[in-house]
Amino acid sequence: MITLWGRSTSANVQKPMWLIGELGLDVERKDVGGAFGGLDTPEYKAMNPHSLIPTLQDKGYTVWESEAVLRYIGAEYGTQFWPDEAGPRAEIDQWMSWVQSSWSPAMTNVFINYVRVAKADRDAVQLKGLEDKLFALATLVDGILATRQYLAGDKMSLADFAFATFLYRYYTLEIDRPDLPNLAKYYEALSQSPAYQEHVQISYAGMRVPGAEAAE
């Protein structure tokens, strides 16, 4: 059975948990990180020298970094989402790299400002710049989704697990989002999945600092 270390409210933990849920795999998730602590213990550092989440153990292997964990699960259990052929895999992998280098930082910067910074302490000019960058990336994806059903093609892939985990936050933060119908349709379709509902659409209200409260 797969063991995954990381708290359920972490987007990086939600990525593999959603994939595990879609595949119907048995998993034991252990709460570490955030309020749970446990990342600086010798035992955890022996698994993950960076003291971050998630960390996966399965069949004698230990894997850390969320995208690497996705690739491991895909290769071992879910080739329908991570094919063996080099060409189709590269088409997926380039989007996963884009998520890691562009989309994830942009989404995280906006999320932190609304959840981890009190309203009175927010820099409006800086936040506007961060939102504009995020919306530009979302608009790019909306254009891609005008031509295909999923991020890397007409079949769901690991690229979607990497990217769309952040969409629950994108659509529930109190931000003035642009009208992007293709992205909205994509999110609505994914939201029908019981695994997405269980592992991604998790309230982050408990992560808000005093003064940053808002209705989700």
Protein backbone atom coordinates (compact mmCIF):
# COMPACT_ATOMS: atom_id res chain seq x y z
CA MET A 1 0.00 0.00 0.00
CA ILE A 2 1.16 3.53 -0.79
CA THR A 3 2.07 5.76 2.13
CA LEU A 4 1.96 9.51 1.54
CA TRP A 5 3.15 12.09 4.02
CA GLY A 6 1.51 15.53 3.95
CA ARG A 7 -1.49 17.49 5.21
CA SER A 8 -4.70 17.38 3.20
CA THR A 9 -4.84 21.18 2.74
CA SER A 10 -1.54 21.33 0.85
CA ALA A 11 -2.02 21.76 -2.90
CA ASN A 12 1.13 19.75 -3.52
CA VAL A 13 -0.31 16.87 -1.50
CA GLN A 14 -3.69 17.20 -3.19
CA LYS A 15 -2.12 16.53 -6.61
CA PRO A 16 -1.10 12.91 -5.90
CA MET A 17 -4.06 12.27 -3.60
CA TRP A 18 -6.45 13.22 -6.43
CA LEU A 19 -4.58 10.91 -8.81
CA ILE A 20 -4.62 8.10 -6.25
CA GLY A 21 -8.36 8.65 -5.81
CA GLU A 22 -9.02 8.52 -9.55
CA LEU A 23 -7.08 5.26 -9.78
CA GLY A 24 -8.81 3.74 -6.76
CA LEU A 25 -5.52 2.86 -5.06
CA ASP A 26 -5.12 2.07 -1.39
CA VAL A 27 -3.21 4.77 0.45
CA GLU A 28 -2.34 5.75 3.97
CA ARG A 29 -1.87 9.51 4.25
CA LYS A 30 -0.02 10.79 7.30
CA ASP A 31 -0.54 14.37 8.50
CA VAL A 32 2.75 16.28 8.59
CA GLY A 33 3.57 19.86 7.74
CA GLY A 34 1.85 23.09 8.71
CA ALA A 35 0.23 22.93 12.12
CA PHE A 36 1.06 19.22 12.33
CA GLY A 37 4.82 19.79 12.22
CA GLY A 38 7.03 16.73 11.96
CA LEU A 39 9.10 17.83 8.97
CA ASP A 40 12.28 18.49 10.91
CA THR A 41 12.50 15.16 12.67
CA PRO A 42 15.47 12.90 11.87
CA GLU A 43 13.03 10.25 10.66
CA TYR A 44 11.36 12.54 8.14
CA LYS A 45 14.64 14.10 6.99
CA ALA A 46 15.93 10.61 6.28
CA MET A 47 13.08 10.26 3.75
CA ASN A 48 13.09 13.82 2.43
CA PRO A 49 16.22 15.92 3.04
CA HIS A 50 14.33 19.10 2.07
CA SER A 51 11.75 18.73 4.87
CA LEU A 52 8.88 19.44 2.47
CA ILE A 53 5.68 17.67 1.48
CA PRO A 54 4.62 15.40 -0.09
CA THR A 55 6.80 12.33 0.38
CA LEU A 56 5.68 8.98 -0.99
CA GLN A 57 6.83 5.48 -0.09
CA ASP A 58 5.80 2.47 -2.16
CA LYS A 59 7.38 -0.88 -2.99
CA GLY A 60 10.65 0.10 -1.33
CA TYR A 61 10.92 3.44 -3.14
CA THR A 62 10.84 6.88 -1.57
CA VAL A 63 9.83 9.79 -3.81
CA TRP A 64 9.52 13.50 -3.02
CA GLU A 65 8.49 16.59 -5.04
CA SER A 66 4.85 16.58 -6.11
CA GLU A 67 5.44 16.28 -9.87
CA ALA A 68 7.93 13.44 -9.34
CA VAL A 69 5.35 11.71 -7.14
CA LEU A 70 2.76 12.12 -9.90
CA ARG A 71 5.14 10.64 -12.46
CA TYR A 72 5.92 7.67 -10.22
CA ILE A 73 2.25 6.88 -9.62
CA GLY A 74 1.47 7.34 -13.29
CA ALA A 75 4.28 5.04 -14.43
CA GLU A 76 3.50 2.37 -11.86
CA TYR A 77 -0.30 2.43 -11.76
CA GLY A 78 -1.80 4.87 -14.26
CA THR A 79 -0.34 4.69 -17.74
CA GLN A 80 -3.67 6.00 -19.09
CA PHE A 81 -2.53 9.34 -17.62
CA TRP A 82 1.23 8.92 -18.27
CA PRO A 83 1.83 6.89 -21.45
CA ASP A 84 5.00 4.96 -22.20
CA GLU A 85 5.63 6.56 -25.60
CA ALA A 86 8.19 9.38 -25.62
CA GLY A 87 6.20 11.79 -27.82
CA PRO A 88 2.89 11.75 -25.93
CA ARG A 89 4.78 11.78 -22.63
CA ALA A 90 6.77 14.86 -23.70
CA GLU A 91 3.55 16.69 -24.59
CA ILE A 92 2.33 16.07 -21.06
CA ASP A 93 5.67 16.73 -19.41
CA GLN A 94 6.12 20.17 -20.97
CA TRP A 95 2.86 21.30 -19.38
CA MET A 96 3.87 19.83 -16.04
CA SER A 97 7.11 21.81 -16.22
CA TRP A 98 5.13 24.95 -17.09
CA VAL A 99 2.89 24.41 -14.07
CA GLN A 100 5.92 24.10 -11.82
CA SER A 101 7.77 27.11 -13.24
CA SER A 102 4.90 29.51 -14.04
CA TRP A 103 1.37 28.61 -12.95
CA SER A 104 2.12 27.28 -9.47
CA PRO A 105 4.25 30.28 -8.36
CA ALA A 106 1.73 32.76 -9.77
CA MET A 107 -1.22 31.06 -8.08
CA THR A 108 0.69 30.61 -4.82
CA ASN A 109 1.71 34.28 -4.66
CA VAL A 110 -1.89 35.44 -5.01
CA PHE A 111 -3.17 32.79 -2.60
CA ILE A 112 -0.66 33.75 0.08
CA ASN A 113 -1.64 37.42 -0.17
CA TYR A 114 -5.31 36.64 0.39
CA VAL A 115 -4.92 33.90 2.99
CA ARG A 116 -1.67 34.53 4.84
CA VAL A 117 -1.70 38.35 4.84
CA ALA A 118 -4.27 40.42 6.73
CA LYS A 119 -6.34 42.75 4.57
CA ALA A 120 -4.89 45.80 6.30
CA ASP A 121 -1.34 44.71 5.47
CA ARG A 122 -1.79 43.97 1.76
CA ASP A 123 0.08 46.07 -0.78
CA ALA A 124 -2.62 46.87 -3.33
CA VAL A 125 -0.19 47.78 -6.12
CA GLN A 126 1.88 44.66 -5.64
CA LEU A 127 -1.20 42.47 -5.40
CA LYS A 128 -2.62 43.94 -8.62
CA GLY A 129 0.59 43.00 -10.41
CA LEU A 130 0.45 39.46 -9.05
CA GLU A 131 -3.18 39.09 -10.08
CA ASP A 132 -2.48 40.41 -13.58
CA LYS A 133 0.27 37.83 -14.02
CA LEU A 134 -2.01 35.04 -12.81
CA PHE A 135 -4.86 36.14 -15.06
CA ALA A 136 -2.54 36.27 -18.08
CA LEU A 137 -1.58 32.64 -17.48
CA ALA A 138 -5.21 31.64 -16.96
CA THR A 139 -6.14 33.39 -20.21
CA LEU A 140 -3.42 31.46 -22.01
CA VAL A 141 -4.88 28.18 -20.74
CA ASP A 142 -8.38 29.30 -21.71
CA GLY A 143 -7.16 29.66 -25.26
CA ILE A 144 -5.60 26.20 -25.19
CA LEU A 145 -8.82 24.70 -23.86
CA ALA A 146 -10.73 26.22 -26.76
CA THR A 147 -9.07 23.62 -28.98
CA ARG A 148 -8.99 20.56 -26.72
CA GLN A 149 -10.75 18.96 -23.78
CA TYR A 150 -7.76 18.74 -21.45
CA LEU A 151 -4.53 20.62 -20.95
CA ALA A 152 -2.25 18.33 -22.99
CA GLY A 153 -4.81 16.95 -25.44
CA ASP A 154 -8.18 15.28 -25.63
CA LYS A 155 -7.34 12.75 -22.91
CA MET A 156 -6.88 13.51 -19.24
CA SER A 157 -3.23 13.28 -18.20
CA LEU A 158 -0.82 14.04 -15.38
CA ALA A 159 -0.71 17.61 -16.69
CA ASP A 160 -4.29 18.07 -15.49
CA PHE A 161 -3.51 16.72 -12.02
CA ALA A 162 -0.59 19.15 -11.74
CA PHE A 163 -2.52 22.17 -13.07
CA ALA A 164 -6.14 21.81 -12.01
CA THR A 165 -5.46 21.14 -8.34
CA PHE A 166 -5.04 24.91 -8.05
CA LEU A 167 -8.36 25.74 -9.71
CA TYR A 168 -10.42 25.26 -6.55
CA ARG A 169 -8.44 28.09 -5.00
CA TYR A 170 -8.56 30.12 -8.19
CA TYR A 171 -12.35 29.96 -8.26
CA THR A 172 -12.98 30.45 -4.54
CA LEU A 173 -10.59 33.26 -3.67
CA GLU A 174 -12.17 36.71 -3.53
CA ILE A 175 -10.47 37.89 -6.72
CA ASP A 176 -12.02 39.67 -9.69
CA ARG A 177 -11.41 36.95 -12.27
CA PRO A 178 -11.71 37.57 -16.03
CA ASP A 179 -14.47 35.77 -17.91
CA LEU A 180 -12.76 32.67 -19.28
CA PRO A 181 -15.51 30.29 -20.45
CA ASN A 182 -13.28 27.43 -21.57
CA LEU A 183 -11.40 27.33 -18.28
CA ALA A 184 -14.68 27.52 -16.36
CA LYS A 185 -16.14 24.63 -18.37
CA TYR A 186 -13.00 22.57 -17.75
CA TYR A 187 -13.16 23.25 -14.00
CA GLU A 188 -16.86 22.41 -13.87
CA ALA A 189 -16.25 19.09 -15.62
CA LEU A 190 -13.44 18.14 -13.24
CA SER A 191 -15.60 19.15 -10.28
CA GLN A 192 -17.98 16.31 -11.10
CA SER A 193 -15.33 13.78 -10.11
CA PRO A 194 -15.79 12.34 -6.59
CA ALA A 195 -11.99 12.10 -6.26
CA TYR A 196 -11.61 15.80 -7.13
CA GLN A 197 -14.31 16.73 -4.65
CA GLU A 198 -12.74 14.64 -1.89
CA HIS A 199 -9.09 15.52 -2.32
CA VAL A 200 -9.03 18.98 -3.95
CA GLN A 201 -12.15 20.88 -2.97
CA ILE A 202 -11.04 21.15 0.65
CA SER A 203 -11.68 24.30 2.64
CA TYR A 204 -8.61 26.39 3.35
CA ALA A 205 -10.42 28.63 5.86
CA GLY A 206 -8.27 27.28 8.67
CA MET A 207 -5.15 28.51 6.87
CA ARG A 208 -6.23 32.16 6.99
CA VAL A 209 -4.48 34.48 9.42
CA PRO A 210 -6.56 36.87 11.56
CA GLY A 211 -7.74 39.78 9.46
CA ALA A 212 -7.71 37.81 6.20
CA GLU A 213 -11.12 36.22 6.64
CA ALA A 214 -13.42 35.83 3.66
CA ALA A 215 -16.25 33.53 2.65
CA GLU A 216 -15.27 30.61 0.41
